[in-house]
Amino acid sequence: MATPFAPQLPPPRFLRPHQVEALYGLSRKYLAHARARGDGPPFCKPSAKLVLYSVEELEAWLAQRRRVSTCDPGPAE
């Protein structure tokens, strides 16, 4: 008899742009423009058409941009 529970898979280490959009609300268009400008989250491009974002690096990038008010300029870079 098979168990009713599926095995637990580890959380993904890398996400594709559509997954980043679904989980974090950053649109694919924003991510593409940010890649071109060089001011977006770090990404990996293992092939000509495949773009991947490390969950760890993406969350660190987002944490660096956390603000407590609209007039908070954030840390000086």
N, C-alpha and C. Protein backbone atom coordinates (compact mmCIF):
# COMPACT_ATOMS: atom_id res chain seq x y z
N MET A 1 0.84 -1.18 0.00
CA MET A 1 0.00 0.00 0.00
C MET A 1 0.89 1.24 0.00
N ALA A 2 0.62 2.15 -0.88
CA ALA A 2 1.40 3.38 -0.99
C ALA A 2 1.01 4.35 0.13
N THR A 3 1.99 5.13 0.54
CA THR A 3 1.70 6.13 1.58
C THR A 3 0.94 7.30 0.96
N PRO A 4 0.05 7.92 1.72
CA PRO A 4 -0.73 9.02 1.16
C PRO A 4 0.06 10.33 1.05
N PHE A 5 1.26 10.34 1.58
CA PHE A 5 2.05 11.57 1.57
C PHE A 5 3.16 11.50 0.53
N ALA A 6 3.31 12.55 -0.21
CA ALA A 6 4.40 12.64 -1.19
C ALA A 6 5.68 13.00 -0.44
N PRO A 7 6.82 12.57 -0.94
CA PRO A 7 8.07 12.92 -0.26
C PRO A 7 8.28 14.44 -0.30
N GLN A 8 8.85 14.96 0.76
CA GLN A 8 9.12 16.39 0.83
C GLN A 8 10.37 16.73 0.01
N LEU A 9 10.21 17.61 -0.93
CA LEU A 9 11.34 18.07 -1.72
C LEU A 9 11.95 19.28 -1.04
N PRO A 10 13.26 19.44 -1.13
CA PRO A 10 13.86 20.64 -0.55
C PRO A 10 13.42 21.87 -1.33
N PRO A 11 13.39 23.03 -0.67
CA PRO A 11 13.00 24.23 -1.42
C PRO A 11 13.99 24.50 -2.53
N PRO A 12 13.53 25.12 -3.61
CA PRO A 12 14.44 25.36 -4.74
C PRO A 12 15.53 26.36 -4.35
N ARG A 13 16.73 26.14 -4.88
CA ARG A 13 17.84 27.07 -4.64
C ARG A 13 17.87 28.16 -5.69
N PHE A 14 17.29 27.89 -6.85
CA PHE A 14 17.26 28.86 -7.94
C PHE A 14 15.84 28.99 -8.46
N LEU A 15 15.50 30.20 -8.90
CA LEU A 15 14.18 30.47 -9.46
C LEU A 15 14.31 31.10 -10.83
N ARG A 16 13.36 30.79 -11.71
CA ARG A 16 13.29 31.45 -13.01
C ARG A 16 12.50 32.74 -12.85
N PRO A 17 12.64 33.68 -13.79
CA PRO A 17 11.96 34.96 -13.63
C PRO A 17 10.46 34.87 -13.36
N HIS A 18 9.75 33.95 -14.01
CA HIS A 18 8.31 33.85 -13.75
C HIS A 18 8.03 33.39 -12.32
N GLN A 19 8.94 32.59 -11.75
CA GLN A 19 8.77 32.16 -10.36
C GLN A 19 9.06 33.31 -9.39
N VAL A 20 10.07 34.13 -9.72
CA VAL A 20 10.38 35.32 -8.90
C VAL A 20 9.16 36.24 -8.90
N GLU A 21 8.56 36.42 -10.07
CA GLU A 21 7.37 37.26 -10.19
C GLU A 21 6.24 36.73 -9.31
N ALA A 22 5.99 35.44 -9.36
CA ALA A 22 4.89 34.84 -8.59
C ALA A 22 5.14 34.90 -7.08
N LEU A 23 6.38 34.70 -6.67
CA LEU A 23 6.68 34.62 -5.24
C LEU A 23 6.99 35.97 -4.60
N TYR A 24 7.63 36.87 -5.35
CA TYR A 24 8.10 38.13 -4.76
C TYR A 24 7.46 39.38 -5.36
N GLY A 25 6.71 39.24 -6.43
CA GLY A 25 6.02 40.38 -7.02
C GLY A 25 6.87 41.26 -7.92
N LEU A 26 8.09 40.85 -8.23
CA LEU A 26 8.93 41.60 -9.16
C LEU A 26 8.58 41.11 -10.57
N SER A 27 8.08 42.00 -11.40
CA SER A 27 7.63 41.55 -12.72
C SER A 27 8.80 41.08 -13.58
N ARG A 28 8.50 40.23 -14.52
CA ARG A 28 9.52 39.75 -15.45
C ARG A 28 10.11 40.91 -16.25
N LYS A 29 9.27 41.87 -16.59
CA LYS A 29 9.73 43.04 -17.33
C LYS A 29 10.72 43.86 -16.49
N TYR A 30 10.38 44.07 -15.21
CA TYR A 30 11.30 44.79 -14.32
C TYR A 30 12.63 44.03 -14.21
N LEU A 31 12.56 42.73 -14.02
CA LEU A 31 13.79 41.93 -13.89
C LEU A 31 14.65 42.02 -15.14
N ALA A 32 14.02 41.97 -16.32
CA ALA A 32 14.77 42.07 -17.58
C ALA A 32 15.44 43.43 -17.71
N HIS A 33 14.71 44.50 -17.39
CA HIS A 33 15.29 45.84 -17.46
C HIS A 33 16.41 46.00 -16.43
N ALA A 34 16.20 45.47 -15.23
CA ALA A 34 17.22 45.57 -14.18
C ALA A 34 18.48 44.80 -14.56
N ARG A 35 18.32 43.67 -15.24
CA ARG A 35 19.50 42.92 -15.71
C ARG A 35 20.28 43.77 -16.71
N ALA A 36 19.56 44.42 -17.62
CA ALA A 36 20.21 45.24 -18.65
C ALA A 36 20.92 46.45 -18.04
N ARG A 37 20.29 47.06 -17.03
CA ARG A 37 20.88 48.23 -16.38
C ARG A 37 21.99 47.85 -15.40
N GLY A 38 21.93 46.62 -14.90
CA GLY A 38 22.93 46.17 -13.93
C GLY A 38 22.60 46.55 -12.49
N ASP A 39 21.35 46.92 -12.22
CA ASP A 39 21.00 47.30 -10.85
C ASP A 39 19.98 46.37 -10.20
N GLY A 40 19.76 45.23 -10.80
CA GLY A 40 18.81 44.26 -10.25
C GLY A 40 19.49 43.23 -9.38
N PRO A 41 18.73 42.23 -8.98
CA PRO A 41 19.32 41.16 -8.17
C PRO A 41 20.33 40.37 -8.99
N PRO A 42 21.35 39.81 -8.34
CA PRO A 42 22.32 38.99 -9.06
C PRO A 42 21.62 37.82 -9.75
N PHE A 43 22.10 37.45 -10.90
CA PHE A 43 21.49 36.35 -11.66
C PHE A 43 22.57 35.50 -12.29
N CYS A 44 22.15 34.32 -12.71
CA CYS A 44 23.04 33.37 -13.37
C CYS A 44 22.43 33.08 -14.74
N LYS A 45 23.27 32.98 -15.74
CA LYS A 45 22.78 32.71 -17.10
C LYS A 45 23.54 31.49 -17.64
N PRO A 46 23.06 30.28 -17.30
CA PRO A 46 23.77 29.08 -17.71
C PRO A 46 23.68 28.76 -19.19
N SER A 47 22.73 29.36 -19.89
CA SER A 47 22.64 29.19 -21.33
C SER A 47 22.10 30.49 -21.93
N ALA A 48 22.03 30.54 -23.24
CA ALA A 48 21.64 31.78 -23.92
C ALA A 48 20.27 32.30 -23.49
N LYS A 49 19.32 31.41 -23.21
CA LYS A 49 17.96 31.85 -22.91
C LYS A 49 17.53 31.62 -21.47
N LEU A 50 18.31 30.88 -20.70
CA LEU A 50 17.92 30.55 -19.33
C LEU A 50 18.53 31.53 -18.34
N VAL A 51 17.66 32.17 -17.54
CA VAL A 51 18.09 33.09 -16.49
C VAL A 51 17.61 32.51 -15.16
N LEU A 52 18.51 32.45 -14.20
CA LEU A 52 18.18 31.92 -12.87
C LEU A 52 18.58 32.91 -11.79
N TYR A 53 17.78 32.96 -10.74
CA TYR A 53 18.08 33.79 -9.58
C TYR A 53 18.25 32.89 -8.37
N SER A 54 19.34 33.07 -7.65
CA SER A 54 19.56 32.34 -6.40
C SER A 54 18.59 32.91 -5.37
N VAL A 55 17.86 32.04 -4.69
CA VAL A 55 16.92 32.49 -3.67
C VAL A 55 17.67 33.25 -2.58
N GLU A 56 18.80 32.74 -2.18
CA GLU A 56 19.59 33.38 -1.12
C GLU A 56 20.03 34.79 -1.53
N GLU A 57 20.57 34.93 -2.73
CA GLU A 57 21.03 36.24 -3.21
C GLU A 57 19.86 37.19 -3.47
N LEU A 58 18.76 36.67 -3.96
CA LEU A 58 17.58 37.48 -4.21
C LEU A 58 17.04 38.06 -2.90
N GLU A 59 16.95 37.22 -1.87
CA GLU A 59 16.44 37.70 -0.59
C GLU A 59 17.40 38.68 0.07
N ALA A 60 18.71 38.48 -0.11
CA ALA A 60 19.70 39.43 0.41
C ALA A 60 19.56 40.77 -0.32
N TRP A 61 19.38 40.72 -1.63
CA TRP A 61 19.20 41.94 -2.43
C TRP A 61 17.96 42.70 -1.97
N LEU A 62 16.87 41.98 -1.74
CA LEU A 62 15.65 42.61 -1.26
C LEU A 62 15.84 43.20 0.14
N ALA A 63 16.53 42.51 1.01
CA ALA A 63 16.77 42.99 2.38
C ALA A 63 17.57 44.28 2.37
N GLN A 64 18.51 44.42 1.44
CA GLN A 64 19.30 45.64 1.34
C GLN A 64 18.44 46.84 0.93
N ARG A 65 17.31 46.58 0.33
CA ARG A 65 16.45 47.66 -0.16
C ARG A 65 15.27 47.93 0.77
N ARG A 66 15.28 47.33 1.93
CA ARG A 66 14.20 47.53 2.90
C ARG A 66 14.26 48.96 3.44
N ARG A 67 13.12 49.62 3.49
CA ARG A 67 13.01 50.98 3.98
C ARG A 67 11.89 51.06 5.02
N VAL A 68 12.00 52.02 5.92
CA VAL A 68 10.97 52.19 6.94
C VAL A 68 10.02 53.33 6.62
N SER A 69 10.39 54.19 5.67
CA SER A 69 9.48 55.25 5.23
C SER A 69 9.85 55.63 3.80
N THR A 70 8.98 56.39 3.17
CA THR A 70 9.22 56.80 1.79
C THR A 70 10.36 57.80 1.67
N CYS A 71 10.69 58.50 2.76
CA CYS A 71 11.79 59.48 2.70
C CYS A 71 13.12 58.87 3.15
N ASP A 72 13.12 57.60 3.49
CA ASP A 72 14.35 56.90 3.89
C ASP A 72 15.17 56.60 2.64
N PRO A 73 16.35 57.24 2.48
CA PRO A 73 17.16 57.01 1.28
C PRO A 73 17.90 55.68 1.30
N GLY A 74 17.94 55.04 2.44
CA GLY A 74 18.68 53.79 2.54
C GLY A 74 20.15 54.04 2.77
N PRO A 75 20.90 52.98 2.91
CA PRO A 75 22.35 53.14 3.15
C PRO A 75 23.05 53.75 1.94
N ALA A 76 24.04 54.55 2.21
CA ALA A 76 24.85 55.14 1.12
C ALA A 76 25.67 54.04 0.48
N GLU A 77 25.69 54.05 -0.84
CA GLU A 77 26.44 53.00 -1.55
C GLU A 77 27.73 53.55 -2.11
